[in-house]
C-alpha atoms as a PDB file:
ATOM      1  CA  MET A   1    -103.120 -31.125-107.191  1.00  0.00           C
ATOM      2  CA  THR A   2    -100.819 -31.084-109.787  1.00  0.00           C
ATOM      3  CA  LYS A   3     -97.384 -33.321-109.301  1.00  0.00           C
ATOM      4  CA  ASP A   4     -95.784 -30.252-109.344  1.00  0.00           C
ATOM      5  CA  GLU A   5     -97.450 -28.470-106.591  1.00  0.00           C
ATOM      6  CA  LEU A   6     -97.275 -31.864-104.518  1.00  0.00           C
ATOM      7  CA  ARG A   7     -93.523 -32.012-104.774  1.00  0.00           C
ATOM      8  CA  VAL A   8     -93.327 -28.553-103.567  1.00  0.00           C
ATOM      9  CA  GLU A   9     -95.659 -29.355-100.372  1.00  0.00           C
ATOM     10  CA  LEU A  10     -93.785 -32.503 -99.391  1.00  0.00           C
ATOM     11  CA  GLU A  11     -90.665 -30.444 -99.901  1.00  0.00           C
ATOM     12  CA  ARG A  12     -92.166 -27.821 -97.308  1.00  0.00           C
ATOM     13  CA  GLN A  13     -92.792 -30.950 -95.312  1.00  0.00           C
ATOM     14  CA  GLU A  14     -89.200 -32.102 -95.174  1.00  0.00           C
ATOM     15  CA  GLN A  15     -88.051 -28.956 -94.835  1.00  0.00           C
ATOM     16  CA  ARG A  16     -90.174 -28.444 -91.835  1.00  0.00           C
ATOM     17  CA  TYR A  17     -89.490 -31.882 -90.253  1.00  0.00           C
ATOM     18  CA  LYS A  18     -86.010 -31.247 -90.295  1.00  0.00           C
ATOM     19  CA  ASP A  19     -86.178 -27.456 -88.709  1.00  0.00           C
ATOM     20  CA  VAL A  20     -88.572 -28.274 -86.431  1.00  0.00           C
ATOM     21  CA  TYR A  21     -87.565 -31.994 -84.534  1.00  0.00           C
ATOM     22  CA  GLY A  22     -84.242 -31.914 -86.239  1.00  0.00           C
ATOM     23  CA  GLY A  23     -85.141 -35.419 -87.979  1.00  0.00           C
ATOM     24  CA  GLU A  24     -83.473 -37.106 -90.863  1.00  0.00           C
ATOM     25  CA  VAL A  25     -85.423 -37.952 -93.937  1.00  0.00           C
ATOM     26  CA  THR A  26     -84.499 -40.832 -96.358  1.00  0.00           C
ATOM     27  CA  THR A  27     -85.800 -41.254 -99.290  1.00  0.00           C
ATOM     28  CA  TYR A  28     -86.372 -44.313-101.550  1.00  0.00           C
ATOM     29  CA  ALA A  29     -86.426 -45.294-105.089  1.00  0.00           C
ATOM     30  CA  ALA A  30     -90.065 -46.216-106.563  1.00  0.00           C
ATOM     31  CA  GLN A  31     -90.404 -49.911-106.606  1.00  0.00           C
ATOM     32  CA  PRO A  32     -90.828 -51.302-109.831  1.00  0.00           C
ATOM     33  CA  GLU A  33     -94.367 -53.126-110.436  1.00  0.00           C
ATOM     34  CA  PRO A  34     -94.652 -56.549-110.235  1.00  0.00           C
ATOM     35  CA  GLU A  35     -94.318 -58.535-113.649  1.00  0.00           C
ATOM     36  CA  ARG A  36     -97.157 -59.790-114.676  1.00  0.00           C
ATOM     37  CA  LYS A  37     -97.654 -63.400-115.566  1.00  0.00           C
ATOM     38  CA  PRO A  38     -99.114 -64.673-118.361  1.00  0.00           C
ATOM     39  CA  TRP A  39    -103.371 -65.532-118.426  1.00  0.00           C
ATOM     40  CA  ARG A  40    -104.341 -68.989-118.279  1.00  0.00           C
ATOM     41  CA  LYS A  41    -107.404 -70.387-119.465  1.00  0.00           C
ATOM     42  CA  ARG A  42    -109.100 -72.763-116.513  1.00  0.00           C
ATOM     43  CA  ALA A  43    -110.058 -75.733-118.231  1.00  0.00           C
ATOM     44  CA  SER A  44    -113.697 -76.482-118.652  1.00  0.00           C
ATOM     45  CA  LEU A  45    -115.141 -79.959-117.640  1.00  0.00           C
ATOM     46  CA  LEU A  46    -115.507 -80.846-121.538  1.00  0.00           C
ATOM     47  CA  ASP A  47    -111.522 -79.898-121.623  1.00  0.00           C
ATOM     48  CA  GLN A  48    -110.783 -82.223-118.967  1.00  0.00           C
ATOM     49  CA  ALA A  49    -113.067 -85.141-119.974  1.00  0.00           C
ATOM     50  CA  PHE A  50    -111.006 -84.567-123.490  1.00  0.00           C
ATOM     51  CA  GLN A  51    -107.859 -85.145-121.692  1.00  0.00           C
ATOM     52  CA  GLN A  52    -109.133 -87.897-119.642  1.00  0.00           C
ATOM     53  CA  GLU A  53    -110.147 -89.856-123.025  1.00  0.00           C
ATOM     54  CA  LEU A  54    -106.629 -89.227-124.728  1.00  0.00           C
ATOM     55  CA  GLN A  55    -105.051 -90.422-121.555  1.00  0.00           C
ATOM     56  CA  LYS A  56    -107.441 -93.421-121.873  1.00  0.00           C
ATOM     57  CA  MET A  57    -106.653 -93.618-125.796  1.00  0.00           C
ATOM     58  CA  GLU A  58    -102.898 -93.408-125.228  1.00  0.00           C
ATOM     59  CA  LYS A  59    -103.205 -95.826-122.570  1.00  0.00           C
ATOM     60  CA  ASP A  60    -105.210 -98.358-124.246  1.00  0.00           C
ATOM     61  CA  LEU A  61    -102.153 -98.218-127.098  1.00  0.00           C
ATOM     62  CA  LYS A  62     -99.529 -98.935-125.050  1.00  0.00           C
ATOM     63  CA  ASP A  63    -101.341-101.456-123.200  1.00  0.00           C
ATOM     64  CA  GLU A  64    -101.982-103.691-126.542  1.00  0.00           C
ATOM     65  CA  PRO A  65     -99.643-106.062-127.583  1.00  0.00           C
ATOM     66  CA  SER A  66     -97.692-105.145-130.941  1.00  0.00           C
ATOM     67  CA  THR A  67     -98.428-107.660-134.337  1.00  0.00           C
ATOM     68  CA  GLU A  68     -95.965-106.446-136.399  1.00  0.00           C
ATOM     69  CA  ASP A  69     -94.867-109.037-139.333  1.00  0.00           C
END
């Protein structure tokens, strides 16, 4: 069934509904597709361990007393 055939069939059903049941047909605009969020890679165990090591190193640098002359 092509789009044109489908449109004709829906129009026929709409007209039949109006004639037989005396009903009212409300048509709505198509809903927009939801926006796709960018795909993000999940951190692996190695990535997590690397981040923890970086945090440890940053903390150690902050904890060390500065020895500037």
